[in-house]
Amino acid sequence: MSGFLDGLLRLRRGPWEMVATVLIAVGVVMLMQPYVMWLYTYSFIVTLVGTVMFIVVSHFPE
């Protein structure tokens, strides 16, 4: 786990891509659930932030 946190602090591509991918997945799940309206409301924002984050992070060093 310390390797993951160390990668986040050193701005390495792998850990940050994982965070962005999890954000995209959470946004999609929020979009597909039929129960809570505020989750559906913010699903697009979460997915968009994850996508933009993935694009930016893909330029970080390995």
N, C-alpha and C. Protein backbone atom coordinates (compact mmCIF):
# COMPACT_ATOMS: atom_id res chain seq x y z
N MET A 1 0.82 -1.20 0.00
CA MET A 1 0.00 0.00 0.00
C MET A 1 0.86 1.25 0.00
N SER A 2 2.01 1.19 0.65
CA SER A 2 2.86 2.38 0.68
C SER A 2 3.40 2.69 -0.71
N GLY A 3 3.55 1.67 -1.55
CA GLY A 3 3.99 1.90 -2.93
C GLY A 3 2.95 2.70 -3.71
N PHE A 4 1.68 2.40 -3.45
CA PHE A 4 0.60 3.13 -4.11
C PHE A 4 0.60 4.60 -3.66
N LEU A 5 0.67 4.81 -2.36
CA LEU A 5 0.69 6.19 -1.83
C LEU A 5 1.94 6.94 -2.27
N ASP A 6 3.06 6.24 -2.32
CA ASP A 6 4.29 6.86 -2.78
C ASP A 6 4.17 7.28 -4.24
N GLY A 7 3.52 6.44 -5.05
CA GLY A 7 3.30 6.79 -6.46
C GLY A 7 2.38 7.98 -6.62
N LEU A 8 1.38 8.09 -5.73
CA LEU A 8 0.49 9.25 -5.78
C LEU A 8 1.25 10.53 -5.44
N LEU A 9 2.06 10.46 -4.41
CA LEU A 9 2.80 11.65 -3.99
C LEU A 9 3.86 12.05 -5.00
N ARG A 10 4.43 11.09 -5.70
CA ARG A 10 5.47 11.40 -6.69
C ARG A 10 4.89 11.65 -8.08
N LEU A 11 3.56 11.70 -8.19
CA LEU A 11 2.87 11.94 -9.45
C LEU A 11 3.27 10.95 -10.53
N ARG A 12 3.19 9.68 -10.21
CA ARG A 12 3.46 8.62 -11.18
C ARG A 12 2.18 8.22 -11.89
N ARG A 13 2.31 7.75 -13.11
CA ARG A 13 1.16 7.47 -13.95
C ARG A 13 0.28 6.35 -13.43
N GLY A 14 0.84 5.24 -13.01
CA GLY A 14 0.07 4.06 -12.64
C GLY A 14 -0.98 4.30 -11.56
N PRO A 15 -0.59 4.78 -10.40
CA PRO A 15 -1.59 5.01 -9.34
C PRO A 15 -2.65 6.05 -9.71
N TRP A 16 -2.26 7.10 -10.40
CA TRP A 16 -3.22 8.13 -10.77
C TRP A 16 -4.19 7.64 -11.84
N GLU A 17 -3.71 6.79 -12.77
CA GLU A 17 -4.61 6.20 -13.75
C GLU A 17 -5.62 5.30 -13.06
N MET A 18 -5.19 4.60 -12.02
CA MET A 18 -6.12 3.75 -11.28
C MET A 18 -7.21 4.59 -10.61
N VAL A 19 -6.82 5.71 -10.01
CA VAL A 19 -7.80 6.59 -9.37
C VAL A 19 -8.78 7.13 -10.41
N ALA A 20 -8.28 7.54 -11.57
CA ALA A 20 -9.15 8.06 -12.63
C ALA A 20 -10.09 6.98 -13.14
N THR A 21 -9.60 5.76 -13.28
CA THR A 21 -10.44 4.66 -13.75
C THR A 21 -11.53 4.34 -12.74
N VAL A 22 -11.20 4.38 -11.47
CA VAL A 22 -12.21 4.14 -10.43
C VAL A 22 -13.26 5.24 -10.46
N LEU A 23 -12.85 6.49 -10.66
CA LEU A 23 -13.82 7.58 -10.77
C LEU A 23 -14.76 7.39 -11.95
N ILE A 24 -14.24 6.95 -13.08
CA ILE A 24 -15.08 6.70 -14.25
C ILE A 24 -16.07 5.58 -13.95
N ALA A 25 -15.60 4.51 -13.32
CA ALA A 25 -16.48 3.39 -12.99
C ALA A 25 -17.55 3.79 -12.00
N VAL A 26 -17.19 4.58 -10.99
CA VAL A 26 -18.17 5.06 -10.00
C VAL A 26 -19.21 5.94 -10.69
N GLY A 27 -18.79 6.78 -11.61
CA GLY A 27 -19.73 7.63 -12.34
C GLY A 27 -20.71 6.83 -13.16
N VAL A 28 -20.23 5.76 -13.80
CA VAL A 28 -21.12 4.91 -14.60
C VAL A 28 -22.11 4.18 -13.70
N VAL A 29 -21.65 3.68 -12.57
CA VAL A 29 -22.56 3.02 -11.63
C VAL A 29 -23.60 4.01 -11.11
N MET A 30 -23.17 5.23 -10.82
CA MET A 30 -24.10 6.26 -10.37
C MET A 30 -25.16 6.54 -11.45
N LEU A 31 -24.75 6.50 -12.69
CA LEU A 31 -25.67 6.76 -13.80
C LEU A 31 -26.70 5.64 -13.95
N MET A 32 -26.29 4.41 -13.67
CA MET A 32 -27.17 3.26 -13.93
C MET A 32 -28.06 2.88 -12.75
N GLN A 33 -27.84 3.43 -11.58
CA GLN A 33 -28.68 3.05 -10.43
C GLN A 33 -30.00 3.81 -10.49
N PRO A 34 -31.11 3.15 -10.15
CA PRO A 34 -32.43 3.81 -10.28
C PRO A 34 -33.02 4.35 -8.98
N TYR A 35 -32.25 4.39 -7.88
CA TYR A 35 -32.85 4.65 -6.58
C TYR A 35 -32.65 6.07 -6.05
N VAL A 36 -31.46 6.61 -6.17
CA VAL A 36 -31.15 7.89 -5.53
C VAL A 36 -30.94 8.95 -6.63
N MET A 37 -31.78 9.96 -6.61
CA MET A 37 -31.76 10.97 -7.67
C MET A 37 -30.48 11.80 -7.66
N TRP A 38 -29.94 12.15 -6.49
CA TRP A 38 -28.74 13.00 -6.47
C TRP A 38 -27.53 12.25 -6.99
N LEU A 39 -27.49 10.90 -6.84
CA LEU A 39 -26.39 10.14 -7.45
C LEU A 39 -26.48 10.23 -8.98
N TYR A 40 -27.69 10.09 -9.50
CA TYR A 40 -27.89 10.20 -10.94
C TYR A 40 -27.54 11.61 -11.42
N THR A 41 -27.89 12.61 -10.63
CA THR A 41 -27.64 14.01 -11.01
C THR A 41 -26.15 14.29 -11.17
N TYR A 42 -25.33 13.78 -10.26
CA TYR A 42 -23.90 14.07 -10.29
C TYR A 42 -23.08 13.03 -11.05
N SER A 43 -23.73 12.04 -11.64
CA SER A 43 -22.99 10.98 -12.32
C SER A 43 -22.20 11.50 -13.53
N PHE A 44 -22.78 12.40 -14.29
CA PHE A 44 -22.08 12.93 -15.46
C PHE A 44 -20.84 13.70 -15.04
N ILE A 45 -20.96 14.51 -13.99
CA ILE A 45 -19.81 15.29 -13.51
C ILE A 45 -18.68 14.37 -13.06
N VAL A 46 -19.03 13.32 -12.31
CA VAL A 46 -18.01 12.39 -11.81
C VAL A 46 -17.34 11.68 -12.98
N THR A 47 -18.12 11.23 -13.96
CA THR A 47 -17.55 10.56 -15.13
C THR A 47 -16.67 11.52 -15.93
N LEU A 48 -17.11 12.75 -16.09
CA LEU A 48 -16.33 13.74 -16.83
C LEU A 48 -15.01 14.05 -16.12
N VAL A 49 -15.05 14.22 -14.80
CA VAL A 49 -13.83 14.49 -14.04
C VAL A 49 -12.87 13.31 -14.18
N GLY A 50 -13.37 12.09 -14.08
CA GLY A 50 -12.52 10.91 -14.24
C GLY A 50 -11.90 10.83 -15.63
N THR A 51 -12.67 11.17 -16.65
CA THR A 51 -12.15 11.12 -18.02
C THR A 51 -11.08 12.17 -18.25
N VAL A 52 -11.34 13.39 -17.83
CA VAL A 52 -10.34 14.46 -17.99
C VAL A 52 -9.09 14.14 -17.17
N MET A 53 -9.31 13.62 -15.97
CA MET A 53 -8.18 13.25 -15.13
C MET A 53 -7.34 12.16 -15.80
N PHE A 54 -7.99 11.19 -16.44
CA PHE A 54 -7.26 10.14 -17.13
C PHE A 54 -6.43 10.70 -18.28
N ILE A 55 -6.99 11.64 -19.01
CA ILE A 55 -6.27 12.25 -20.14
C ILE A 55 -5.05 13.01 -19.63
N VAL A 56 -5.21 13.77 -18.56
CA VAL A 56 -4.08 14.54 -18.01
C VAL A 56 -3.02 13.61 -17.43
N VAL A 57 -3.47 12.61 -16.69
CA VAL A 57 -2.54 11.71 -16.00
C VAL A 57 -1.76 10.84 -16.99
N SER A 58 -2.33 10.60 -18.16
CA SER A 58 -1.62 9.78 -19.12
C SER A 58 -0.33 10.44 -19.61
N HIS A 59 -0.13 11.71 -19.29
CA HIS A 59 1.11 12.40 -19.65
C HIS A 59 2.12 12.43 -18.50
N PHE A 60 1.76 11.85 -17.34
CA PHE A 60 2.70 11.78 -16.23
C PHE A 60 3.80 10.77 -16.53
N PRO A 61 4.96 10.89 -15.90
CA PRO A 61 6.03 9.90 -16.10
C PRO A 61 5.68 8.59 -15.42
N GLU A 62 6.25 7.52 -15.96
CA GLU A 62 6.02 6.21 -15.34
C GLU A 62 6.91 6.10 -14.15
